[in-house]
Amino acid sequence: MKKLYIFALMVAFLVTSAVADEDPPRAVRPQP
């Protein structure tokens, strides 16, 4: 279970990083 949890965190981090590279940061974290 621990490995699956860490794997999920890594995948989520990679996905958010890819999105941040393609779109402005506000796409990942809503900002005023």
C-alpha atoms as a PDB file:
ATOM      1  CA  MET A   1       0.000   0.000   0.000  1.00  0.00           C
ATOM      2  CA  LYS A   2       2.816   2.390   0.857  1.00  0.00           C
ATOM      3  CA  LYS A   3       4.428   1.927  -2.556  1.00  0.00           C
ATOM      4  CA  LEU A   4       1.110   2.533  -4.318  1.00  0.00           C
ATOM      5  CA  TYR A   5       0.575   5.719  -2.305  1.00  0.00           C
ATOM      6  CA  ILE A   6       4.051   7.025  -3.150  1.00  0.00           C
ATOM      7  CA  PHE A   7       3.548   6.062  -6.800  1.00  0.00           C
ATOM      8  CA  ALA A   8       0.267   8.002  -6.877  1.00  0.00           C
ATOM      9  CA  LEU A   9       1.999  11.068  -5.410  1.00  0.00           C
ATOM     10  CA  MET A  10       4.745  10.880  -8.034  1.00  0.00           C
ATOM     11  CA  VAL A  11       2.210  10.582 -10.860  1.00  0.00           C
ATOM     12  CA  ALA A  12       0.188  13.516  -9.522  1.00  0.00           C
ATOM     13  CA  PHE A  13       3.375  15.597  -9.249  1.00  0.00           C
ATOM     14  CA  LEU A  14       4.403  14.776 -12.812  1.00  0.00           C
ATOM     15  CA  VAL A  15       0.934  15.574 -14.160  1.00  0.00           C
ATOM     16  CA  THR A  16       0.775  18.940 -12.375  1.00  0.00           C
ATOM     17  CA  SER A  17       4.295  19.745 -13.577  1.00  0.00           C
ATOM     18  CA  ALA A  18       3.353  18.957 -17.179  1.00  0.00           C
ATOM     19  CA  VAL A  19       0.228  21.105 -16.937  1.00  0.00           C
ATOM     20  CA  ALA A  20       2.201  23.958 -15.374  1.00  0.00           C
ATOM     21  CA  ASP A  21       4.681  23.821 -18.268  1.00  0.00           C
ATOM     22  CA  GLU A  22       1.909  24.024 -20.872  1.00  0.00           C
ATOM     23  CA  ASP A  23      -0.523  26.370 -19.123  1.00  0.00           C
ATOM     24  CA  PRO A  24      -0.090  29.367 -16.804  1.00  0.00           C
ATOM     25  CA  PRO A  25       0.213  28.568 -13.046  1.00  0.00           C
ATOM     26  CA  ARG A  26      -3.352  29.773 -12.446  1.00  0.00           C
ATOM     27  CA  ALA A  27      -4.526  26.667 -14.320  1.00  0.00           C
ATOM     28  CA  VAL A  28      -3.128  24.521 -11.511  1.00  0.00           C
ATOM     29  CA  ARG A  29      -3.748  26.809  -8.533  1.00  0.00           C
ATOM     30  CA  PRO A  30      -6.512  29.405  -8.823  1.00  0.00           C
ATOM     31  CA  GLN A  31      -5.159  32.844  -7.944  1.00  0.00           C
ATOM     32  CA  PRO A  32      -6.860  36.250  -7.705  1.00  0.00           C
END
